[in-house]
């Protein structure tokens, strides 16, 4: 995989994860993302994606162990998830 393909894959994965969390009706955990969104990734890889999305303000973690994530209001508005 070349650099362009790698960046494209990372962007697609990030978008799929944020959309999954945004339109889910309950907290999302690393295992949920592993089971329903990504295939062939490790739990640590998913944690990195979630950490990046949290730092960017798209999701917020609950600080518990295991940590659950919800979309921020910004994300709901961006993707039209507000009722």
PDB file of N, CA and C in Angstrom:
ATOM      1  N   UNK A   1       0.857  -1.168   0.000  1.00  0.00           N
ATOM      2  CA  UNK A   1       0.000   0.000   0.000  1.00  0.00           C
ATOM      3  C   UNK A   1       0.910   1.240   0.000  1.00  0.00           C
ATOM      4  N   UNK A   2       0.679   2.143  -0.950  1.00  0.00           N
ATOM      5  CA  UNK A   2       1.497   3.358  -0.983  1.00  0.00           C
ATOM      6  C   UNK A   2       0.937   4.407  -0.026  1.00  0.00           C
ATOM      7  N   UNK A   3       1.629   5.514   0.092  1.00  0.00           N
ATOM      8  CA  UNK A   3       1.249   6.548   1.064  1.00  0.00           C
ATOM      9  C   UNK A   3      -0.141   7.103   0.790  1.00  0.00           C
ATOM     10  N   UNK A   4      -0.468   7.344  -0.463  1.00  0.00           N
ATOM     11  CA  UNK A   4      -1.783   7.876  -0.813  1.00  0.00           C
ATOM     12  C   UNK A   4      -2.880   6.895  -0.432  1.00  0.00           C
ATOM     13  N   UNK A   5      -2.670   5.631  -0.734  1.00  0.00           N
ATOM     14  CA  UNK A   5      -3.651   4.609  -0.372  1.00  0.00           C
ATOM     15  C   UNK A   5      -3.783   4.502   1.143  1.00  0.00           C
ATOM     16  N   UNK A   6      -2.664   4.607   1.844  1.00  0.00           N
ATOM     17  CA  UNK A   6      -2.671   4.529   3.296  1.00  0.00           C
ATOM     18  C   UNK A   6      -3.466   5.682   3.904  1.00  0.00           C
ATOM     19  N   UNK A   7      -3.235   6.886   3.413  1.00  0.00           N
ATOM     20  CA  UNK A   7      -3.969   8.048   3.923  1.00  0.00           C
ATOM     21  C   UNK A   7      -5.444   7.952   3.581  1.00  0.00           C
ATOM     22  N   UNK A   8      -5.739   7.467   2.402  1.00  0.00           N
ATOM     23  CA  UNK A   8      -7.134   7.290   1.989  1.00  0.00           C
ATOM     24  C   UNK A   8      -7.832   6.275   2.899  1.00  0.00           C
ATOM     25  N   UNK A   9      -7.151   5.171   3.188  1.00  0.00           N
ATOM     26  CA  UNK A   9      -7.711   4.144   4.068  1.00  0.00           C
ATOM     27  C   UNK A   9      -7.961   4.709   5.463  1.00  0.00           C
ATOM     28  N   UNK A  10      -7.000   5.460   5.999  1.00  0.00           N
ATOM     29  CA  UNK A  10      -7.158   6.030   7.345  1.00  0.00           C
ATOM     30  C   UNK A  10      -8.322   7.018   7.381  1.00  0.00           C
ATOM     31  N   UNK A  11      -8.464   7.823   6.332  1.00  0.00           N
ATOM     32  CA  UNK A  11      -9.574   8.767   6.272  1.00  0.00           C
ATOM     33  C   UNK A  11     -10.903   8.032   6.243  1.00  0.00           C
ATOM     34  N   UNK A  12     -11.001   7.003   5.404  1.00  0.00           N
ATOM     35  CA  UNK A  12     -12.239   6.227   5.305  1.00  0.00           C
ATOM     36  C   UNK A  12     -12.579   5.549   6.629  1.00  0.00           C
ATOM     37  N   UNK A  13     -11.572   4.983   7.289  1.00  0.00           N
ATOM     38  CA  UNK A  13     -11.800   4.340   8.579  1.00  0.00           C
ATOM     39  C   UNK A  13     -12.305   5.354   9.608  1.00  0.00           C
ATOM     40  N   UNK A  14     -11.650   6.503   9.652  1.00  0.00           N
ATOM     41  CA  UNK A  14     -12.039   7.545  10.602  1.00  0.00           C
ATOM     42  C   UNK A  14     -13.472   7.986  10.349  1.00  0.00           C
ATOM     43  N   UNK A  15     -13.821   8.199   9.098  1.00  0.00           N
ATOM     44  CA  UNK A  15     -15.180   8.622   8.756  1.00  0.00           C
ATOM     45  C   UNK A  15     -16.199   7.550   9.121  1.00  0.00           C
ATOM     46  N   UNK A  16     -15.898   6.303   8.817  1.00  0.00           N
ATOM     47  CA  UNK A  16     -16.815   5.211   9.157  1.00  0.00           C
ATOM     48  C   UNK A  16     -17.029   5.117  10.668  1.00  0.00           C
ATOM     49  N   UNK A  17     -15.960   5.281  11.424  1.00  0.00           N
ATOM     50  CA  UNK A  17     -16.074   5.201  12.886  1.00  0.00           C
ATOM     51  C   UNK A  17     -16.910   6.358  13.428  1.00  0.00           C
ATOM     52  N   UNK A  18     -16.640   7.575  12.972  1.00  0.00           N
ATOM     53  CA  UNK A  18     -17.386   8.730  13.494  1.00  0.00           C
ATOM     54  C   UNK A  18     -18.857   8.640  13.092  1.00  0.00           C
ATOM     55  N   UNK A  19     -19.150   8.172  11.904  1.00  0.00           N
ATOM     56  CA  UNK A  19     -20.553   8.001  11.498  1.00  0.00           C
ATOM     57  C   UNK A  19     -21.236   6.915  12.329  1.00  0.00           C
ATOM     58  N   UNK A  20     -20.534   5.830  12.578  1.00  0.00           N
ATOM     59  CA  UNK A  20     -21.083   4.750  13.399  1.00  0.00           C
ATOM     60  C   UNK A  20     -21.448   5.267  14.792  1.00  0.00           C
ATOM     61  N   UNK A  21     -20.547   6.008  15.400  1.00  0.00           N
ATOM     62  CA  UNK A  21     -20.792   6.542  16.740  1.00  0.00           C
ATOM     63  C   UNK A  21     -21.905   7.585  16.714  1.00  0.00           C
ATOM     64  N   UNK A  22     -21.939   8.414  15.681  1.00  0.00           N
ATOM     65  CA  UNK A  22     -22.920   9.498  15.594  1.00  0.00           C
ATOM     66  C   UNK A  22     -24.347   8.978  15.517  1.00  0.00           C
ATOM     67  N   UNK A  23     -24.574   7.940  14.754  1.00  0.00           N
ATOM     68  CA  UNK A  23     -25.938   7.470  14.539  1.00  0.00           C
ATOM     69  C   UNK A  23     -26.324   6.283  15.423  1.00  0.00           C
ATOM     70  N   UNK A  24     -25.468   5.927  16.333  1.00  0.00           N
ATOM     71  CA  UNK A  24     -25.767   4.872  17.299  1.00  0.00           C
ATOM     72  C   UNK A  24     -26.570   5.487  18.443  1.00  0.00           C
ATOM     73  N   UNK A  25     -27.472   4.738  19.027  1.00  0.00           N
ATOM     74  CA  UNK A  25     -28.348   5.273  20.071  1.00  0.00           C
ATOM     75  C   UNK A  25     -27.825   5.035  21.485  1.00  0.00           C
ATOM     76  N   UNK A  26     -26.639   4.470  21.597  1.00  0.00           N
ATOM     77  CA  UNK A  26     -26.051   4.233  22.913  1.00  0.00           C
ATOM     78  C   UNK A  26     -24.548   4.432  22.838  1.00  0.00           C
ATOM     79  N   UNK A  27     -23.881   4.370  23.970  1.00  0.00           N
ATOM     80  CA  UNK A  27     -22.427   4.520  24.006  1.00  0.00           C
ATOM     81  C   UNK A  27     -21.758   3.476  23.123  1.00  0.00           C
ATOM     82  N   UNK A  28     -20.630   3.878  22.579  1.00  0.00           N
ATOM     83  CA  UNK A  28     -19.850   2.985  21.726  1.00  0.00           C
ATOM     84  C   UNK A  28     -18.537   2.663  22.422  1.00  0.00           C
ATOM     85  N   UNK A  29     -18.190   1.399  22.402  1.00  0.00           N
ATOM     86  CA  UNK A  29     -16.958   0.921  23.009  1.00  0.00           C
ATOM     87  C   UNK A  29     -16.017   0.393  21.921  1.00  0.00           C
ATOM     88  N   UNK A  30     -14.757   0.238  22.265  1.00  0.00           N
ATOM     89  CA  UNK A  30     -13.772  -0.267  21.311  1.00  0.00           C
ATOM     90  C   UNK A  30     -14.264  -1.570  20.679  1.00  0.00           C
ATOM     91  N   UNK A  31     -14.786  -2.459  21.479  1.00  0.00           N
ATOM     92  CA  UNK A  31     -15.246  -3.746  20.955  1.00  0.00           C
ATOM     93  C   UNK A  31     -16.363  -3.582  19.941  1.00  0.00           C
ATOM     94  N   UNK A  32     -17.255  -2.603  20.143  1.00  0.00           N
ATOM     95  CA  UNK A  32     -18.328  -2.344  19.174  1.00  0.00           C
ATOM     96  C   UNK A  32     -17.750  -1.969  17.816  1.00  0.00           C
ATOM     97  N   UNK A  33     -16.739  -1.115  17.833  1.00  0.00           N
ATOM     98  CA  UNK A  33     -16.101  -0.688  16.586  1.00  0.00           C
ATOM     99  C   UNK A  33     -15.404  -1.876  15.925  1.00  0.00           C
ATOM    100  N   UNK A  34     -14.727  -2.686  16.717  1.00  0.00           N
ATOM    101  CA  UNK A  34     -14.070  -3.884  16.176  1.00  0.00           C
ATOM    102  C   UNK A  34     -15.086  -4.841  15.553  1.00  0.00           C
ATOM    103  N   UNK A  35     -16.212  -5.018  16.209  1.00  0.00           N
ATOM    104  CA  UNK A  35     -17.222  -5.969  15.741  1.00  0.00           C
ATOM    105  C   UNK A  35     -17.990  -5.462  14.520  1.00  0.00           C
ATOM    106  N   UNK A  36     -18.293  -4.160  14.486  1.00  0.00           N
ATOM    107  CA  UNK A  36     -19.244  -3.656  13.492  1.00  0.00           C
ATOM    108  C   UNK A  36     -18.672  -2.724  12.423  1.00  0.00           C
ATOM    109  N   UNK A  37     -17.463  -2.231  12.614  1.00  0.00           N
ATOM    110  CA  UNK A  37     -16.955  -1.231  11.666  1.00  0.00           C
ATOM    111  C   UNK A  37     -15.681  -1.684  10.966  1.00  0.00           C
ATOM    112  N   UNK A  38     -14.662  -2.002  11.714  1.00  0.00           N
ATOM    113  CA  UNK A  38     -13.370  -2.342  11.110  1.00  0.00           C
ATOM    114  C   UNK A  38     -13.148  -3.842  11.133  1.00  0.00           C
ATOM    115  N   UNK A  39     -12.414  -4.308  10.172  1.00  0.00           N
ATOM    116  CA  UNK A  39     -12.053  -5.727  10.171  1.00  0.00           C
ATOM    117  C   UNK A  39     -10.539  -5.826  10.065  1.00  0.00           C
ATOM    118  N   UNK A  40      -9.983  -6.714  10.827  1.00  0.00           N
ATOM    119  CA  UNK A  40      -8.549  -6.926  10.771  1.00  0.00           C
ATOM    120  C   UNK A  40      -7.727  -5.911  11.550  1.00  0.00           C
ATOM    121  N   UNK A  41      -8.369  -5.054  12.301  1.00  0.00           N
ATOM    122  CA  UNK A  41      -7.642  -4.073  13.116  1.00  0.00           C
ATOM    123  C   UNK A  41      -7.525  -4.607  14.543  1.00  0.00           C
ATOM    124  N   UNK A  42      -6.575  -4.071  15.267  1.00  0.00           N
ATOM    125  CA  UNK A  42      -6.427  -4.450  16.672  1.00  0.00           C
ATOM    126  C   UNK A  42      -7.202  -3.469  17.545  1.00  0.00           C
ATOM    127  N   UNK A  43      -7.419  -3.858  18.773  1.00  0.00           N
ATOM    128  CA  UNK A  43      -8.073  -2.968  19.727  1.00  0.00           C
ATOM    129  C   UNK A  43      -7.282  -1.693  19.926  1.00  0.00           C
ATOM    130  N   UNK A  44      -5.961  -1.814  19.924  1.00  0.00           N
ATOM    131  CA  UNK A  44      -5.111  -0.635  20.111  1.00  0.00           C
ATOM    132  C   UNK A  44      -5.255   0.339  18.941  1.00  0.00           C
ATOM    133  N   UNK A  45      -5.388  -0.173  17.742  1.00  0.00           N
ATOM    134  CA  UNK A  45      -5.585   0.687  16.566  1.00  0.00           C
ATOM    135  C   UNK A  45      -6.894   1.456  16.695  1.00  0.00           C
ATOM    136  N   UNK A  46      -7.937   0.768  17.107  1.00  0.00           N
ATOM    137  CA  UNK A  46      -9.237   1.431  17.294  1.00  0.00           C
ATOM    138  C   UNK A  46      -9.128   2.488  18.393  1.00  0.00           C
ATOM    139  N   UNK A  47      -8.415   2.182  19.470  1.00  0.00           N
ATOM    140  CA  UNK A  47      -8.214   3.165  20.532  1.00  0.00           C
ATOM    141  C   UNK A  47      -7.546   4.424  19.990  1.00  0.00           C
ATOM    142  N   UNK A  48      -6.596   4.262  19.092  1.00  0.00           N
ATOM    143  CA  UNK A  48      -5.909   5.424  18.506  1.00  0.00           C
ATOM    144  C   UNK A  48      -6.876   6.267  17.671  1.00  0.00           C
ATOM    145  N   UNK A  49      -7.696   5.624  16.876  1.00  0.00           N
ATOM    146  CA  UNK A  49      -8.694   6.351  16.095  1.00  0.00           C
ATOM    147  C   UNK A  49      -9.632   7.124  17.028  1.00  0.00           C
ATOM    148  N   UNK A  50     -10.109   6.462  18.067  1.00  0.00           N
ATOM    149  CA  UNK A  50     -11.038   7.102  19.002  1.00  0.00           C
ATOM    150  C   UNK A  50     -10.368   8.255  19.748  1.00  0.00           C
ATOM    151  N   UNK A  51      -9.131   8.072  20.129  1.00  0.00           N
ATOM    152  CA  UNK A  51      -8.395   9.133  20.803  1.00  0.00           C
ATOM    153  C   UNK A  51      -8.251  10.358  19.895  1.00  0.00           C
ATOM    154  N   UNK A  52      -7.942  10.123  18.643  1.00  0.00           N
ATOM    155  CA  UNK A  52      -7.812  11.230  17.684  1.00  0.00           C
ATOM    156  C   UNK A  52      -9.139  11.955  17.510  1.00  0.00           C
ATOM    157  N   UNK A  53     -10.217  11.196  17.376  1.00  0.00           N
ATOM    158  CA  UNK A  53     -11.537  11.813  17.213  1.00  0.00           C
ATOM    159  C   UNK A  53     -11.936  12.606  18.453  1.00  0.00           C
ATOM    160  N   UNK A  54     -11.547  12.114  19.618  1.00  0.00           N
ATOM    161  CA  UNK A  54     -11.845  12.832  20.851  1.00  0.00           C
ATOM    162  C   UNK A  54     -11.043  14.136  20.920  1.00  0.00           C
ATOM    163  N   UNK A  55      -9.768  14.080  20.577  1.00  0.00           N
ATOM    164  CA  UNK A  55      -8.931  15.282  20.589  1.00  0.00           C
ATOM    165  C   UNK A  55      -9.437  16.331  19.607  1.00  0.00           C
ATOM    166  N   UNK A  56     -10.012  15.873  18.495  1.00  0.00           N
ATOM    167  CA  UNK A  56     -10.548  16.795  17.490  1.00  0.00           C
ATOM    168  C   UNK A  56     -11.937  17.313  17.843  1.00  0.00           C
ATOM    169  N   UNK A  57     -12.525  16.774  18.903  1.00  0.00           N
ATOM    170  CA  UNK A  57     -13.826  17.262  19.360  1.00  0.00           C
ATOM    171  C   UNK A  57     -15.031  16.627  18.694  1.00  0.00           C
ATOM    172  N   UNK A  58     -14.846  15.482  18.018  1.00  0.00           N
ATOM    173  CA  UNK A  58     -15.969  14.823  17.367  1.00  0.00           C
ATOM    174  C   UNK A  58     -16.709  13.859  18.294  1.00  0.00           C
ATOM    175  N   UNK A  59     -15.994  13.301  19.254  1.00  0.00           N
ATOM    176  CA  UNK A  59     -16.602  12.395  20.221  1.00  0.00           C
ATOM    177  C   UNK A  59     -16.079  12.758  21.608  1.00  0.00           C
ATOM    178  N   UNK A  60     -16.800  12.276  22.622  1.00  0.00           N
ATOM    179  CA  UNK A  60     -16.317  12.473  23.992  1.00  0.00           C
ATOM    180  C   UNK A  60     -16.425  11.162  24.748  1.00  0.00           C
ATOM    181  N   UNK A  61     -15.372  10.856  25.500  1.00  0.00           N
ATOM    182  CA  UNK A  61     -15.329   9.643  26.292  1.00  0.00           C
ATOM    183  C   UNK A  61     -15.908   9.886  27.673  1.00  0.00           C
ATOM    184  N   UNK A  62     -16.351   8.811  28.307  1.00  0.00           N
ATOM    185  CA  UNK A  62     -16.944   8.935  29.636  1.00  0.00           C
ATOM    186  C   UNK A  62     -15.918   8.785  30.761  1.00  0.00           C
ATOM    187  N   UNK A  63     -14.676   8.453  30.421  1.00  0.00           N
ATOM    188  CA  UNK A  63     -13.618   8.347  31.416  1.00  0.00           C
ATOM    189  C   UNK A  63     -13.661   7.082  32.251  1.00  0.00           C
ATOM    190  N   UNK A  64     -14.569   6.178  31.949  1.00  0.00           N
ATOM    191  CA  UNK A  64     -14.679   4.927  32.702  1.00  0.00           C
ATOM    192  C   UNK A  64     -13.835   3.852  32.037  1.00  0.00           C
ATOM    193  N   UNK A  65     -13.763   2.703  32.683  1.00  0.00           N
ATOM    194  CA  UNK A  65     -13.021   1.576  32.146  1.00  0.00           C
ATOM    195  C   UNK A  65     -13.954   0.372  32.042  1.00  0.00           C
ATOM    196  N   UNK A  66     -14.269  -0.113  30.874  1.00  0.00           N
ATOM    197  CA  UNK A  66     -13.819   0.385  29.581  1.00  0.00           C
ATOM    198  C   UNK A  66     -14.531   1.690  29.225  1.00  0.00           C
ATOM    199  N   UNK A  67     -13.837   2.499  28.462  1.00  0.00           N
ATOM    200  CA  UNK A  67     -14.358   3.817  28.123  1.00  0.00           C
ATOM    201  C   UNK A  67     -15.411   3.727  27.020  1.00  0.00           C
ATOM    202  N   UNK A  68     -16.509   4.425  27.242  1.00  0.00           N
ATOM    203  CA  UNK A  68     -17.560   4.528  26.240  1.00  0.00           C
ATOM    204  C   UNK A  68     -17.508   5.897  25.595  1.00  0.00           C
ATOM    205  N   UNK A  69     -17.938   5.983  24.343  1.00  0.00           N
ATOM    206  CA  UNK A  69     -17.867   7.232  23.601  1.00  0.00           C
ATOM    207  C   UNK A  69     -19.231   7.612  23.037  1.00  0.00           C
ATOM    208  N   UNK A  70     -19.485   8.919  23.036  1.00  0.00           N
ATOM    209  CA  UNK A  70     -20.693   9.484  22.446  1.00  0.00           C
ATOM    210  C   UNK A  70     -20.292  10.613  21.507  1.00  0.00           C
ATOM    211  N   UNK A  71     -21.121  10.902  20.509  1.00  0.00           N
ATOM    212  CA  UNK A  71     -20.806  12.028  19.627  1.00  0.00           C
ATOM    213  C   UNK A  71     -21.030  13.346  20.353  1.00  0.00           C
ATOM    214  N   UNK A  72     -20.275  14.362  19.987  1.00  0.00           N
ATOM    215  CA  UNK A  72     -20.496  15.699  20.544  1.00  0.00           C
ATOM    216  C   UNK A  72     -21.637  16.367  19.773  1.00  0.00           C
ATOM    217  N   UNK A  73     -22.130  17.459  20.316  1.00  0.00           N
ATOM    218  CA  UNK A  73     -23.181  18.212  19.625  1.00  0.00           C
ATOM    219  C   UNK A  73     -22.693  18.688  18.262  1.00  0.00           C
ATOM    220  N   UNK A  74     -21.427  19.089  18.194  1.00  0.00           N
ATOM    221  CA  UNK A  74     -20.820  19.523  16.933  1.00  0.00           C
ATOM    222  C   UNK A  74     -20.953  18.428  15.873  1.00  0.00           C
ATOM    223  N   UNK A  75     -20.660  17.207  16.263  1.00  0.00           N
ATOM    224  CA  UNK A  75     -20.714  16.085  15.331  1.00  0.00           C
ATOM    225  C   UNK A  75     -22.141  15.793  14.904  1.00  0.00           C
ATOM    226  N   UNK A  76     -23.066  15.830  15.848  1.00  0.00           N
ATOM    227  CA  UNK A  76     -24.478  15.598  15.517  1.00  0.00           C
ATOM    228  C   UNK A  76     -24.978  16.627  14.516  1.00  0.00           C
ATOM    229  N   UNK A  77     -24.604  17.881  14.720  1.00  0.00           N
ATOM    230  CA  UNK A  77     -25.012  18.936  13.796  1.00  0.00           C
ATOM    231  C   UNK A  77     -24.357  18.753  12.434  1.00  0.00           C
ATOM    232  N   UNK A  78     -23.076  18.427  12.423  1.00  0.00           N
ATOM    233  CA  UNK A  78     -22.343  18.262  11.183  1.00  0.00           C
ATOM    234  C   UNK A  78     -22.953  17.181  10.293  1.00  0.00           C
ATOM    235  N   UNK A  79     -23.385  16.087  10.904  1.00  0.00           N
ATOM    236  CA  UNK A  79     -23.912  14.969  10.134  1.00  0.00           C
ATOM    237  C   UNK A  79     -25.434  14.877  10.173  1.00  0.00           C
ATOM    238  N   UNK A  80     -26.098  15.881  10.727  1.00  0.00           N
ATOM    239  CA  UNK A  80     -27.548  15.920  10.713  1.00  0.00           C
ATOM    240  C   UNK A  80     -28.211  14.895  11.597  1.00  0.00           C
ATOM    241  N   UNK A  81     -27.589  14.588  12.724  1.00  0.00           N
ATOM    242  CA  UNK A  81     -28.136  13.557  13.612  1.00  0.00           C
ATOM    243  C   UNK A  81     -29.063  14.140  14.678  1.00  0.00           C
ATOM    244  N   UNK A  82     -29.206  15.464  14.724  1.00  0.00           N
ATOM    245  CA  UNK A  82     -30.122  16.071  15.695  1.00  0.00           C
ATOM    246  C   UNK A  82     -31.554  15.924  15.205  1.00  0.00           C
ATOM    247  N   UNK A  83     -32.471  15.575  16.123  1.00  0.00           N
ATOM    248  CA  UNK A  83     -33.878  15.407  15.701  1.00  0.00           C
ATOM    249  C   UNK A  83     -34.510  16.720  15.312  1.00  0.00           C
TER     250      UNK A  83
END
